[in-house]
PDB file of all heavy atoms in Angstrom:
ATOM      1  N   LYS A   1      -5.245 -19.548 -11.462  1.00  0.00           N
ATOM      2  CA  LYS A   1      -5.242 -19.586 -12.894  1.00  0.00           C
ATOM      3  C   LYS A   1      -4.149 -18.727 -13.511  1.00  0.00           C
ATOM      4  O   LYS A   1      -3.949 -18.724 -14.719  1.00  0.00           O
ATOM      5  CB  LYS A   1      -6.609 -19.166 -13.448  1.00  0.00           C
ATOM      6  CG  LYS A   1      -7.721 -20.139 -13.104  1.00  0.00           C
ATOM      7  CD  LYS A   1      -9.056 -19.640 -13.641  1.00  0.00           C
ATOM      8  CE  LYS A   1     -10.145 -20.619 -13.291  1.00  0.00           C
ATOM      9  NZ  LYS A   1     -11.493 -20.133 -13.727  1.00  0.00           N
ATOM     10  N   ASN A   2      -3.471 -17.965 -12.671  1.00  0.00           N
ATOM     11  CA  ASN A   2      -2.434 -17.028 -13.179  1.00  0.00           C
ATOM     12  C   ASN A   2      -1.116 -17.294 -12.427  1.00  0.00           C
ATOM     13  O   ASN A   2      -0.486 -16.417 -11.918  1.00  0.00           O
ATOM     14  CB  ASN A   2      -2.871 -15.585 -12.998  1.00  0.00           C
ATOM     15  CG  ASN A   2      -4.048 -15.235 -13.889  1.00  0.00           C
ATOM     16  OD1 ASN A   2      -3.894 -14.889 -15.035  1.00  0.00           O
ATOM     17  ND2 ASN A   2      -5.231 -15.349 -13.314  1.00  0.00           N
ATOM     18  N   VAL A   3      -0.788 -18.582 -12.331  1.00  0.00           N
ATOM     19  CA  VAL A   3       0.440 -18.946 -11.627  1.00  0.00           C
ATOM     20  C   VAL A   3       1.663 -18.349 -12.342  1.00  0.00           C
ATOM     21  O   VAL A   3       1.849 -18.495 -13.536  1.00  0.00           O
ATOM     22  CB  VAL A   3       0.588 -20.502 -11.578  1.00  0.00           C
ATOM     23  CG1 VAL A   3       1.918 -20.880 -10.875  1.00  0.00           C
ATOM     24  CG2 VAL A   3      -0.610 -21.105 -10.844  1.00  0.00           C
ATOM     25  N   GLY A   4       2.446 -17.639 -11.601  1.00  0.00           N
ATOM     26  CA  GLY A   4       3.608 -16.957 -12.160  1.00  0.00           C
ATOM     27  C   GLY A   4       4.280 -16.120 -11.118  1.00  0.00           C
ATOM     28  O   GLY A   4       4.195 -16.424  -9.937  1.00  0.00           O
ATOM     29  N   ILE A   5       4.862 -15.025 -11.534  1.00  0.00           N
ATOM     30  CA  ILE A   5       5.669 -14.193 -10.600  1.00  0.00           C
ATOM     31  C   ILE A   5       4.795 -13.160  -9.919  1.00  0.00           C
ATOM     32  O   ILE A   5       5.309 -12.460  -9.024  1.00  0.00           O
ATOM     33  CB  ILE A   5       6.844 -13.518 -11.333  1.00  0.00           C
ATOM     34  CG1 ILE A   5       6.335 -12.620 -12.459  1.00  0.00           C
ATOM     35  CG2 ILE A   5       7.818 -14.566 -11.793  1.00  0.00           C
ATOM     36  CD1 ILE A   5       7.442 -11.815 -13.159  1.00  0.00           C
ATOM     37  N   PHE A   6       3.516 -13.001 -10.283  1.00  0.00           N
ATOM     38  CA  PHE A   6       2.630 -12.058  -9.676  1.00  0.00           C
ATOM     39  C   PHE A   6       1.460 -12.741  -9.037  1.00  0.00           C
ATOM     40  O   PHE A   6       1.000 -13.800  -9.489  1.00  0.00           O
ATOM     41  CB  PHE A   6       2.139 -10.986 -10.665  1.00  0.00           C
ATOM     42  CG  PHE A   6       3.246 -10.151 -11.284  1.00  0.00           C
ATOM     43  CD1 PHE A   6       3.514 -10.323 -12.638  1.00  0.00           C
ATOM     44  CD2 PHE A   6       4.004  -9.316 -10.518  1.00  0.00           C
ATOM     45  CE1 PHE A   6       4.528  -9.557 -13.205  1.00  0.00           C
ATOM     46  CE2 PHE A   6       5.009  -8.573 -11.116  1.00  0.00           C
ATOM     47  CZ  PHE A   6       5.285  -8.717 -12.437  1.00  0.00           C
ATOM     48  N   ARG A   7       0.879 -12.097  -8.044  1.00  0.00           N
ATOM     49  CA  ARG A   7      -0.347 -12.518  -7.510  1.00  0.00           C
ATOM     50  C   ARG A   7      -1.089 -11.317  -6.824  1.00  0.00           C
ATOM     51  O   ARG A   7      -0.470 -10.227  -6.700  1.00  0.00           O
ATOM     52  CB  ARG A   7      -0.168 -13.641  -6.450  1.00  0.00           C
ATOM     53  CG  ARG A   7       0.454 -13.167  -5.148  1.00  0.00           C
ATOM     54  CD  ARG A   7       0.454 -14.246  -4.116  1.00  0.00           C
ATOM     55  NE  ARG A   7       0.428 -13.697  -2.805  1.00  0.00           N
ATOM     56  CZ  ARG A   7       0.175 -14.374  -1.682  1.00  0.00           C
ATOM     57  NH1 ARG A   7      -0.091 -15.650  -1.776  1.00  0.00           N
ATOM     58  NH2 ARG A   7       0.179 -13.807  -0.538  1.00  0.00           N
ATOM     59  N   ILE A   8      -2.308 -11.473  -6.399  1.00  0.00           N
ATOM     60  CA  ILE A   8      -3.004 -10.393  -5.751  1.00  0.00           C
ATOM     61  C   ILE A   8      -3.455 -10.865  -4.340  1.00  0.00           C
ATOM     62  O   ILE A   8      -3.609 -12.079  -4.083  1.00  0.00           O
ATOM     63  CB  ILE A   8      -4.225  -9.909  -6.510  1.00  0.00           C
ATOM     64  CG1 ILE A   8      -5.247 -11.074  -6.719  1.00  0.00           C
ATOM     65  CG2 ILE A   8      -3.794  -9.342  -7.845  1.00  0.00           C
ATOM     66  CD1 ILE A   8      -6.548 -10.611  -7.343  1.00  0.00           C
ATOM     67  N   THR A   9      -3.651  -9.920  -3.462  1.00  0.00           N
ATOM     68  CA  THR A   9      -4.191 -10.245  -2.088  1.00  0.00           C
ATOM     69  C   THR A   9      -5.733 -10.131  -2.195  1.00  0.00           C
ATOM     70  O   THR A   9      -6.270  -9.775  -3.214  1.00  0.00           O
ATOM     71  CB  THR A   9      -3.654  -9.244  -1.041  1.00  0.00           C
ATOM     72  OG1 THR A   9      -4.132  -7.903  -1.380  1.00  0.00           O
ATOM     73  CG2 THR A   9      -2.139  -9.256  -1.013  1.00  0.00           C
ATOM     74  N   GLU A  10      -6.376 -10.443  -1.033  1.00  0.00           N
ATOM     75  CA  GLU A  10      -7.831 -10.328  -0.989  1.00  0.00           C
ATOM     76  C   GLU A  10      -8.266  -8.927  -1.259  1.00  0.00           C
ATOM     77  O   GLU A  10      -7.630  -7.943  -0.848  1.00  0.00           O
ATOM     78  CB  GLU A  10      -8.325 -10.797   0.407  1.00  0.00           C
ATOM     79  CG  GLU A  10      -8.179 -12.256   0.684  1.00  0.00           C
ATOM     80  CD  GLU A  10      -9.141 -13.086  -0.122  1.00  0.00           C
ATOM     81  OE1 GLU A  10     -10.151 -12.567  -0.608  1.00  0.00           O
ATOM     82  OE2 GLU A  10      -8.861 -14.304  -0.295  1.00  0.00           O
ATOM     83  N   LEU A  11      -9.429  -8.771  -1.893  1.00  0.00           N
ATOM     84  CA  LEU A  11     -10.010  -7.407  -2.101  1.00  0.00           C
ATOM     85  C   LEU A  11     -10.565  -6.943  -0.753  1.00  0.00           C
ATOM     86  O   LEU A  11     -11.245  -7.639  -0.041  1.00  0.00           O
ATOM     87  CB  LEU A  11     -11.127  -7.505  -3.159  1.00  0.00           C
ATOM     88  CG  LEU A  11     -10.700  -7.661  -4.581  1.00  0.00           C
ATOM     89  CD1 LEU A  11     -11.817  -8.238  -5.407  1.00  0.00           C
ATOM     90  CD2 LEU A  11     -10.221  -6.329  -5.133  1.00  0.00           C
ATOM     91  N   MET A  12     -10.228  -5.679  -0.448  1.00  0.00           N
ATOM     92  CA  MET A  12     -10.646  -5.054   0.801  1.00  0.00           C
ATOM     93  C   MET A  12     -11.415  -3.792   0.507  1.00  0.00           C
ATOM     94  O   MET A  12     -11.091  -3.045  -0.454  1.00  0.00           O
ATOM     95  CB  MET A  12      -9.408  -4.717   1.652  1.00  0.00           C
ATOM     96  CG  MET A  12      -8.612  -5.945   2.059  1.00  0.00           C
ATOM     97  SD  MET A  12      -9.491  -6.951   3.237  1.00  0.00           S
ATOM     98  CE  MET A  12      -9.593  -5.803   4.616  1.00  0.00           C
ATOM     99  N   PRO A  13     -12.442  -3.470   1.318  1.00  0.00           N
ATOM    100  CA  PRO A  13     -13.183  -2.273   1.105  1.00  0.00           C
ATOM    101  C   PRO A  13     -12.395  -0.979   1.486  1.00  0.00           C
ATOM    102  O   PRO A  13     -11.570  -1.081   2.409  1.00  0.00           O
ATOM    103  CB  PRO A  13     -14.390  -2.423   2.018  1.00  0.00           C
ATOM    104  CG  PRO A  13     -13.941  -3.315   3.123  1.00  0.00           C
ATOM    105  CD  PRO A  13     -12.956  -4.252   2.435  1.00  0.00           C
ATOM    106  N   VAL A  14     -12.622   0.078   0.797  1.00  0.00           N
ATOM    107  CA  VAL A  14     -11.944   1.351   1.149  1.00  0.00           C
ATOM    108  C   VAL A  14     -12.900   2.485   0.749  1.00  0.00           C
ATOM    109  O   VAL A  14     -13.663   2.359  -0.195  1.00  0.00           O
ATOM    110  CB  VAL A  14     -10.593   1.458   0.397  1.00  0.00           C
ATOM    111  CG1 VAL A  14     -10.790   1.536  -1.107  1.00  0.00           C
ATOM    112  CG2 VAL A  14      -9.815   2.669   0.864  1.00  0.00           C
ATOM    113  N   LEU A  15     -12.847   3.562   1.539  1.00  0.00           N
ATOM    114  CA  LEU A  15     -13.711   4.701   1.279  1.00  0.00           C
ATOM    115  C   LEU A  15     -12.901   5.862   0.734  1.00  0.00           C
ATOM    116  O   LEU A  15     -11.757   6.102   1.151  1.00  0.00           O
ATOM    117  CB  LEU A  15     -14.434   5.141   2.562  1.00  0.00           C
ATOM    118  CG  LEU A  15     -15.470   4.192   3.119  1.00  0.00           C
ATOM    119  CD1 LEU A  15     -16.016   4.699   4.406  1.00  0.00           C
ATOM    120  CD2 LEU A  15     -16.638   4.048   2.122  1.00  0.00           C
ATOM    121  N   GLY A  16     -13.523   6.636  -0.168  1.00  0.00           N
ATOM    122  CA  GLY A  16     -12.875   7.803  -0.753  1.00  0.00           C
ATOM    123  C   GLY A  16     -13.517   8.120  -2.095  1.00  0.00           C
ATOM    124  O   GLY A  16     -13.596   7.208  -2.976  1.00  0.00           O
ATOM    125  N   ALA A  17     -13.954   9.305  -2.278  1.00  0.00           N
ATOM    126  CA  ALA A  17     -14.642   9.680  -3.511  1.00  0.00           C
ATOM    127  C   ALA A  17     -13.714   9.783  -4.687  1.00  0.00           C
ATOM    128  O   ALA A  17     -14.087   9.436  -5.833  1.00  0.00           O
ATOM    129  CB  ALA A  17     -15.341  11.029  -3.298  1.00  0.00           C
ATOM    130  N   ASP A  18     -12.481  10.202  -4.465  1.00  0.00           N
ATOM    131  CA  ASP A  18     -11.484  10.362  -5.586  1.00  0.00           C
ATOM    132  C   ASP A  18     -10.589   9.133  -5.578  1.00  0.00           C
ATOM    133  O   ASP A  18      -9.711   8.925  -4.723  1.00  0.00           O
ATOM    134  CB  ASP A  18     -10.620  11.582  -5.305  1.00  0.00           C
ATOM    135  CG  ASP A  18      -9.720  11.894  -6.484  1.00  0.00           C
ATOM    136  OD1 ASP A  18      -9.143  10.972  -7.071  1.00  0.00           O
ATOM    137  OD2 ASP A  18      -9.517  13.105  -6.797  1.00  0.00           O
ATOM    138  N   LEU A  19     -10.819   8.242  -6.541  1.00  0.00           N
ATOM    139  CA  LEU A  19     -10.084   6.988  -6.578  1.00  0.00           C
ATOM    140  C   LEU A  19      -8.596   7.188  -6.739  1.00  0.00           C
ATOM    141  O   LEU A  19      -7.796   6.418  -6.277  1.00  0.00           O
ATOM    142  CB  LEU A  19     -10.609   6.047  -7.702  1.00  0.00           C
ATOM    143  CG  LEU A  19     -12.046   5.519  -7.541  1.00  0.00           C
ATOM    144  CD1 LEU A  19     -12.271   4.348  -8.542  1.00  0.00           C
ATOM    145  CD2 LEU A  19     -12.338   5.087  -6.148  1.00  0.00           C
ATOM    146  N   GLY A  20      -8.214   8.231  -7.468  1.00  0.00           N
ATOM    147  CA  GLY A  20      -6.795   8.528  -7.665  1.00  0.00           C
ATOM    148  C   GLY A  20      -6.151   8.868  -6.322  1.00  0.00           C
ATOM    149  O   GLY A  20      -5.029   8.343  -6.047  1.00  0.00           O
ATOM    150  N   GLU A  21      -6.779   9.665  -5.471  1.00  0.00           N
ATOM    151  CA  GLU A  21      -6.209  10.006  -4.199  1.00  0.00           C
ATOM    152  C   GLU A  21      -6.189   8.754  -3.298  1.00  0.00           C
ATOM    153  O   GLU A  21      -5.188   8.545  -2.553  1.00  0.00           O
ATOM    154  CB  GLU A  21      -7.049  11.097  -3.523  1.00  0.00           C
ATOM    155  CG  GLU A  21      -6.940  12.463  -4.171  1.00  0.00           C
ATOM    156  CD  GLU A  21      -7.714  13.523  -3.445  1.00  0.00           C
ATOM    157  OE1 GLU A  21      -8.382  13.177  -2.435  1.00  0.00           O
ATOM    158  OE2 GLU A  21      -7.660  14.676  -3.845  1.00  0.00           O
ATOM    159  N   VAL A  22      -7.236   7.947  -3.371  1.00  0.00           N
ATOM    160  CA  VAL A  22      -7.231   6.699  -2.566  1.00  0.00           C
ATOM    161  C   VAL A  22      -6.078   5.783  -2.976  1.00  0.00           C
ATOM    162  O   VAL A  22      -5.333   5.247  -2.147  1.00  0.00           O
ATOM    163  CB  VAL A  22      -8.580   5.970  -2.765  1.00  0.00           C
ATOM    164  CG1 VAL A  22      -8.517   4.561  -2.096  1.00  0.00           C
ATOM    165  CG2 VAL A  22      -9.703   6.777  -2.162  1.00  0.00           C
ATOM    166  N   ALA A  23      -5.862   5.625  -4.299  1.00  0.00           N
ATOM    167  CA  ALA A  23      -4.799   4.774  -4.839  1.00  0.00           C
ATOM    168  C   ALA A  23      -3.432   5.296  -4.410  1.00  0.00           C
ATOM    169  O   ALA A  23      -2.569   4.525  -4.032  1.00  0.00           O
ATOM    170  CB  ALA A  23      -4.896   4.639  -6.340  1.00  0.00           C
ATOM    171  N   ASP A  24      -3.247   6.645  -4.497  1.00  0.00           N
ATOM    172  CA  ASP A  24      -1.960   7.236  -4.085  1.00  0.00           C
ATOM    173  C   ASP A  24      -1.659   6.962  -2.628  1.00  0.00           C
ATOM    174  O   ASP A  24      -0.513   6.626  -2.260  1.00  0.00           O
ATOM    175  CB  ASP A  24      -1.984   8.729  -4.353  1.00  0.00           C
ATOM    176  CG  ASP A  24      -1.929   9.100  -5.832  1.00  0.00           C
ATOM    177  OD1 ASP A  24      -1.501   8.239  -6.606  1.00  0.00           O
ATOM    178  OD2 ASP A  24      -2.348  10.225  -6.187  1.00  0.00           O
ATOM    179  N   LYS A  25      -2.670   7.108  -1.767  1.00  0.00           N
ATOM    180  CA  LYS A  25      -2.432   6.938  -0.322  1.00  0.00           C
ATOM    181  C   LYS A  25      -2.112   5.471  -0.022  1.00  0.00           C
ATOM    182  O   LYS A  25      -1.198   5.169   0.742  1.00  0.00           O
ATOM    183  CB  LYS A  25      -3.632   7.424   0.491  1.00  0.00           C
ATOM    184  CG  LYS A  25      -3.410   7.333   1.996  1.00  0.00           C
ATOM    185  CD  LYS A  25      -4.609   7.886   2.721  1.00  0.00           C
ATOM    186  CE  LYS A  25      -4.269   8.011   4.215  1.00  0.00           C
ATOM    187  NZ  LYS A  25      -3.712   6.775   4.814  1.00  0.00           N
ATOM    188  N   LEU A  26      -2.912   4.573  -0.619  1.00  0.00           N
ATOM    189  CA  LEU A  26      -2.637   3.143  -0.406  1.00  0.00           C
ATOM    190  C   LEU A  26      -1.245   2.777  -0.888  1.00  0.00           C
ATOM    191  O   LEU A  26      -0.541   1.993  -0.220  1.00  0.00           O
ATOM    192  CB  LEU A  26      -3.728   2.308  -1.099  1.00  0.00           C
ATOM    193  CG  LEU A  26      -5.101   2.341  -0.479  1.00  0.00           C
ATOM    194  CD1 LEU A  26      -6.109   1.660  -1.411  1.00  0.00           C
ATOM    195  CD2 LEU A  26      -5.118   1.622   0.893  1.00  0.00           C
ATOM    196  N   PHE A  27      -0.886   3.272  -2.067  1.00  0.00           N
ATOM    197  CA  PHE A  27       0.424   2.963  -2.598  1.00  0.00           C
ATOM    198  C   PHE A  27       1.542   3.475  -1.628  1.00  0.00           C
ATOM    199  O   PHE A  27       2.496   2.754  -1.343  1.00  0.00           O
ATOM    200  CB  PHE A  27       0.605   3.611  -3.938  1.00  0.00           C
ATOM    201  CG  PHE A  27       1.955   3.342  -4.615  1.00  0.00           C
ATOM    202  CD1 PHE A  27       2.163   2.156  -5.328  1.00  0.00           C
ATOM    203  CD2 PHE A  27       2.998   4.234  -4.463  1.00  0.00           C
ATOM    204  CE1 PHE A  27       3.423   1.883  -5.895  1.00  0.00           C
ATOM    205  CE2 PHE A  27       4.245   3.999  -5.025  1.00  0.00           C
ATOM    206  CZ  PHE A  27       4.447   2.831  -5.713  1.00  0.00           C
ATOM    207  N   ASP A  28       1.403   4.694  -1.168  1.00  0.00           N
ATOM    208  CA  ASP A  28       2.418   5.254  -0.248  1.00  0.00           C
ATOM    209  C   ASP A  28       2.505   4.421   1.001  1.00  0.00           C
ATOM    210  O   ASP A  28       3.596   4.185   1.560  1.00  0.00           O
ATOM    211  CB  ASP A  28       2.066   6.711   0.109  1.00  0.00           C
ATOM    212  CG  ASP A  28       2.324   7.633  -1.031  1.00  0.00           C
ATOM    213  OD1 ASP A  28       3.066   7.256  -1.995  1.00  0.00           O
ATOM    214  OD2 ASP A  28       1.816   8.783  -1.005  1.00  0.00           O
ATOM    215  N   ASP A  29       1.340   3.985   1.515  1.00  0.00           N
ATOM    216  CA  ASP A  29       1.307   3.269   2.815  1.00  0.00           C
ATOM    217  C   ASP A  29       1.777   1.808   2.668  1.00  0.00           C
ATOM    218  O   ASP A  29       2.391   1.298   3.607  1.00  0.00           O
ATOM    219  CB  ASP A  29      -0.111   3.297   3.426  1.00  0.00           C
ATOM    220  CG  ASP A  29      -0.531   4.677   3.848  1.00  0.00           C
ATOM    221  OD1 ASP A  29       0.356   5.524   4.078  1.00  0.00           O
ATOM    222  OD2 ASP A  29      -1.761   4.930   3.958  1.00  0.00           O
ATOM    223  N   LEU A  30       1.449   1.179   1.569  1.00  0.00           N
ATOM    224  CA  LEU A  30       1.607  -0.265   1.480  1.00  0.00           C
ATOM    225  C   LEU A  30       2.762  -0.730   0.543  1.00  0.00           C
ATOM    226  O   LEU A  30       3.195  -1.865   0.619  1.00  0.00           O
ATOM    227  CB  LEU A  30       0.316  -0.922   0.992  1.00  0.00           C
ATOM    228  CG  LEU A  30      -0.913  -0.684   1.907  1.00  0.00           C
ATOM    229  CD1 LEU A  30      -2.138  -1.269   1.246  1.00  0.00           C
ATOM    230  CD2 LEU A  30      -0.695  -1.253   3.297  1.00  0.00           C
ATOM    231  N   VAL A  31       3.195   0.163  -0.320  1.00  0.00           N
ATOM    232  CA  VAL A  31       4.211  -0.219  -1.336  1.00  0.00           C
ATOM    233  C   VAL A  31       5.450   0.664  -1.290  1.00  0.00           C
ATOM    234  O   VAL A  31       6.574   0.153  -1.171  1.00  0.00           O
ATOM    235  CB  VAL A  31       3.588  -0.162  -2.763  1.00  0.00           C
ATOM    236  CG1 VAL A  31       4.613  -0.582  -3.786  1.00  0.00           C
ATOM    237  CG2 VAL A  31       2.339  -1.053  -2.841  1.00  0.00           C
ATOM    238  N   ALA A  32       5.251   1.942  -1.386  1.00  0.00           N
ATOM    239  CA  ALA A  32       6.390   2.856  -1.529  1.00  0.00           C
ATOM    240  C   ALA A  32       7.236   2.872  -0.226  1.00  0.00           C
ATOM    241  O   ALA A  32       6.778   2.721   0.871  1.00  0.00           O
ATOM    242  CB  ALA A  32       5.934   4.268  -1.878  1.00  0.00           C
ATOM    243  N   ILE A  33       8.566   3.081  -0.424  1.00  0.00           N
ATOM    244  CA  ILE A  33       9.434   3.365   0.696  1.00  0.00           C
ATOM    245  C   ILE A  33       9.379   4.828   1.026  1.00  0.00           C
ATOM    246  O   ILE A  33       9.714   5.658   0.192  1.00  0.00           O
ATOM    247  CB  ILE A  33      10.915   2.945   0.401  1.00  0.00           C
ATOM    248  CG1 ILE A  33      10.954   1.458   0.086  1.00  0.00           C
ATOM    249  CG2 ILE A  33      11.825   3.321   1.508  1.00  0.00           C
ATOM    250  CD1 ILE A  33      12.351   0.967  -0.307  1.00  0.00           C
ATOM    251  N   GLN A  34       8.875   5.159   2.182  1.00  0.00           N
ATOM    252  CA  GLN A  34       8.642   6.563   2.528  1.00  0.00           C
ATOM    253  C   GLN A  34       9.957   7.240   2.910  1.00  0.00           C
ATOM    254  O   GLN A  34      10.661   6.757   3.809  1.00  0.00           O
ATOM    255  CB  GLN A  34       7.657   6.687   3.670  1.00  0.00           C
ATOM    256  CG  GLN A  34       6.274   6.132   3.295  1.00  0.00           C
ATOM    257  CD  GLN A  34       5.640   6.911   2.210  1.00  0.00           C
ATOM    258  OE1 GLN A  34       5.455   8.103   2.335  1.00  0.00           O
ATOM    259  NE2 GLN A  34       5.378   6.269   1.088  1.00  0.00           N
ATOM    260  N   PRO A  35      10.314   8.378   2.310  1.00  0.00           N
ATOM    261  CA  PRO A  35      11.578   9.053   2.636  1.00  0.00           C
ATOM    262  C   PRO A  35      11.629   9.474   4.088  1.00  0.00           C
ATOM    263  O   PRO A  35      12.697   9.533   4.680  1.00  0.00           O
ATOM    264  CB  PRO A  35      11.558  10.304   1.693  1.00  0.00           C
ATOM    265  CG  PRO A  35      10.648   9.923   0.613  1.00  0.00           C
ATOM    266  CD  PRO A  35       9.578   9.046   1.211  1.00  0.00           C
ATOM    267  N   HIS A  36      10.466   9.779   4.730  1.00  0.00           N
ATOM    268  CA  HIS A  36      10.505  10.281   6.087  1.00  0.00           C
ATOM    269  C   HIS A  36      10.666   9.191   7.124  1.00  0.00           C
ATOM    270  O   HIS A  36      10.786   9.454   8.303  1.00  0.00           O
ATOM    271  CB  HIS A  36       9.227  11.096   6.380  1.00  0.00           C
ATOM    272  CG  HIS A  36       7.993  10.238   6.356  1.00  0.00           C
ATOM    273  ND1 HIS A  36       7.237  10.107   5.209  1.00  0.00           N
ATOM    274  CD2 HIS A  36       7.378   9.528   7.309  1.00  0.00           C
ATOM    275  CE1 HIS A  36       6.183   9.327   5.457  1.00  0.00           C
ATOM    276  NE2 HIS A  36       6.275   8.951   6.734  1.00  0.00           N
ATOM    277  N   ARG A  37      10.666   7.944   6.665  1.00  0.00           N
ATOM    278  CA  ARG A  37      10.828   6.855   7.679  1.00  0.00           C
ATOM    279  C   ARG A  37      12.274   6.751   8.061  1.00  0.00           C
ATOM    280  O   ARG A  37      13.154   6.361   7.264  1.00  0.00           O
ATOM    281  CB  ARG A  37      10.372   5.510   7.035  1.00  0.00           C
ATOM    282  CG  ARG A  37       8.850   5.430   6.977  1.00  0.00           C
ATOM    283  CD  ARG A  37       8.446   4.114   6.360  1.00  0.00           C
ATOM    284  NE  ARG A  37       6.992   3.980   6.347  1.00  0.00           N
ATOM    285  CZ  ARG A  37       6.298   3.199   5.545  1.00  0.00           C
ATOM    286  NH1 ARG A  37       6.951   2.443   4.685  1.00  0.00           N
ATOM    287  NH2 ARG A  37       5.001   3.141   5.612  1.00  0.00           N
ATOM    288  N   SER A  38      12.550   7.066   9.256  1.00  0.00           N
ATOM    289  CA  SER A  38      13.960   7.004   9.754  1.00  0.00           C
ATOM    290  C   SER A  38      14.299   5.586  10.198  1.00  0.00           C
ATOM    291  O   SER A  38      13.404   4.750  10.413  1.00  0.00           O
ATOM    292  CB  SER A  38      14.138   7.919  10.964  1.00  0.00           C
ATOM    293  OG  SER A  38      13.362   7.450  12.049  1.00  0.00           O
ATOM    294  N   LYS A  39      15.556   5.335  10.288  1.00  0.00           N
ATOM    295  CA  LYS A  39      16.040   3.990  10.613  1.00  0.00           C
ATOM    296  C   LYS A  39      15.514   3.571  12.013  1.00  0.00           C
ATOM    297  O   LYS A  39      15.320   2.412  12.329  1.00  0.00           O
ATOM    298  CB  LYS A  39      17.583   3.945  10.623  1.00  0.00           C
ATOM    299  CG  LYS A  39      18.201   2.555  10.852  1.00  0.00           C
ATOM    300  CD  LYS A  39      19.681   2.613  10.711  1.00  0.00           C
ATOM    301  CE  LYS A  39      20.305   1.245  10.989  1.00  0.00           C
ATOM    302  NZ  LYS A  39      19.898   0.249   9.979  1.00  0.00           N
ATOM    303  N   GLY A  40      15.322   4.601  12.868  1.00  0.00           N
ATOM    304  CA  GLY A  40      14.894   4.314  14.234  1.00  0.00           C
ATOM    305  C   GLY A  40      13.429   4.159  14.432  1.00  0.00           C
ATOM    306  O   GLY A  40      12.948   3.920  15.533  1.00  0.00           O
ATOM    307  N   GLU A  41      12.588   4.319  13.374  1.00  0.00           N
ATOM    308  CA  GLU A  41      11.190   4.273  13.530  1.00  0.00           C
ATOM    309  C   GLU A  41      10.794   2.835  13.947  1.00  0.00           C
ATOM    310  O   GLU A  41      11.348   1.846  13.467  1.00  0.00           O
ATOM    311  CB  GLU A  41      10.462   4.589  12.214  1.00  0.00           C
ATOM    312  CG  GLU A  41       8.992   4.532  12.347  1.00  0.00           C
ATOM    313  CD  GLU A  41       8.295   4.786  11.021  1.00  0.00           C
ATOM    314  OE1 GLU A  41       8.962   4.800   9.981  1.00  0.00           O
ATOM    315  OE2 GLU A  41       7.070   4.964  10.995  1.00  0.00           O
ATOM    316  N   ARG A  42       9.881   2.749  14.876  1.00  0.00           N
ATOM    317  CA  ARG A  42       9.459   1.446  15.381  1.00  0.00           C
ATOM    318  C   ARG A  42       8.794   0.641  14.289  1.00  0.00           C
ATOM    319  O   ARG A  42       7.884   1.108  13.629  1.00  0.00           O
ATOM    320  CB  ARG A  42       8.528   1.603  16.560  1.00  0.00           C
ATOM    321  CG  ARG A  42       9.145   2.077  17.873  1.00  0.00           C
ATOM    322  CD  ARG A  42       8.205   1.917  19.016  1.00  0.00           C
ATOM    323  NE  ARG A  42       7.982   0.529  19.288  1.00  0.00           N
ATOM    324  CZ  ARG A  42       6.790  -0.061  19.125  1.00  0.00           C
ATOM    325  NH1 ARG A  42       5.765   0.585  18.635  1.00  0.00           N
ATOM    326  NH2 ARG A  42       6.618  -1.344  19.408  1.00  0.00           N
ATOM    327  N   VAL A  43       9.284  -0.601  14.148  1.00  0.00           N
ATOM    328  CA  VAL A  43       8.634  -1.493  13.187  1.00  0.00           C
ATOM    329  C   VAL A  43       7.176  -1.785  13.678  1.00  0.00           C
ATOM    330  O   VAL A  43       6.276  -1.967  12.847  1.00  0.00           O
ATOM    331  CB  VAL A  43       9.406  -2.809  13.103  1.00  0.00           C
ATOM    332  CG1 VAL A  43       8.773  -3.734  12.032  1.00  0.00           C
ATOM    333  CG2 VAL A  43      10.864  -2.557  12.748  1.00  0.00           C
ATOM    334  N   GLY A  44       6.971  -1.776  15.007  1.00  0.00           N
ATOM    335  CA  GLY A  44       5.651  -2.018  15.529  1.00  0.00           C
ATOM    336  C   GLY A  44       4.614  -0.998  15.032  1.00  0.00           C
ATOM    337  O   GLY A  44       3.454  -1.320  14.854  1.00  0.00           O
ATOM    338  N   THR A  45       5.050   0.262  14.815  1.00  0.00           N
ATOM    339  CA  THR A  45       4.173   1.288  14.312  1.00  0.00           C
ATOM    340  C   THR A  45       3.695   0.919  12.889  1.00  0.00           C
ATOM    341  O   THR A  45       2.504   1.049  12.568  1.00  0.00           O
ATOM    342  CB  THR A  45       4.878   2.673  14.280  1.00  0.00           C
ATOM    343  OG1 THR A  45       5.292   2.956  15.625  1.00  0.00           O
ATOM    344  CG2 THR A  45       3.944   3.740  13.796  1.00  0.00           C
TER     345      THR A  45
END
């Protein structure tokens, strides 16, 4: 119903009492480009 340039993935369960901290960690892991990731880091990791 919202065909366009955005979409969402399936909702997944996550644990954490502080939603702000949970959101920050998920964002860092799944969206942000981490500065500490070196060129040689295994993609498999």
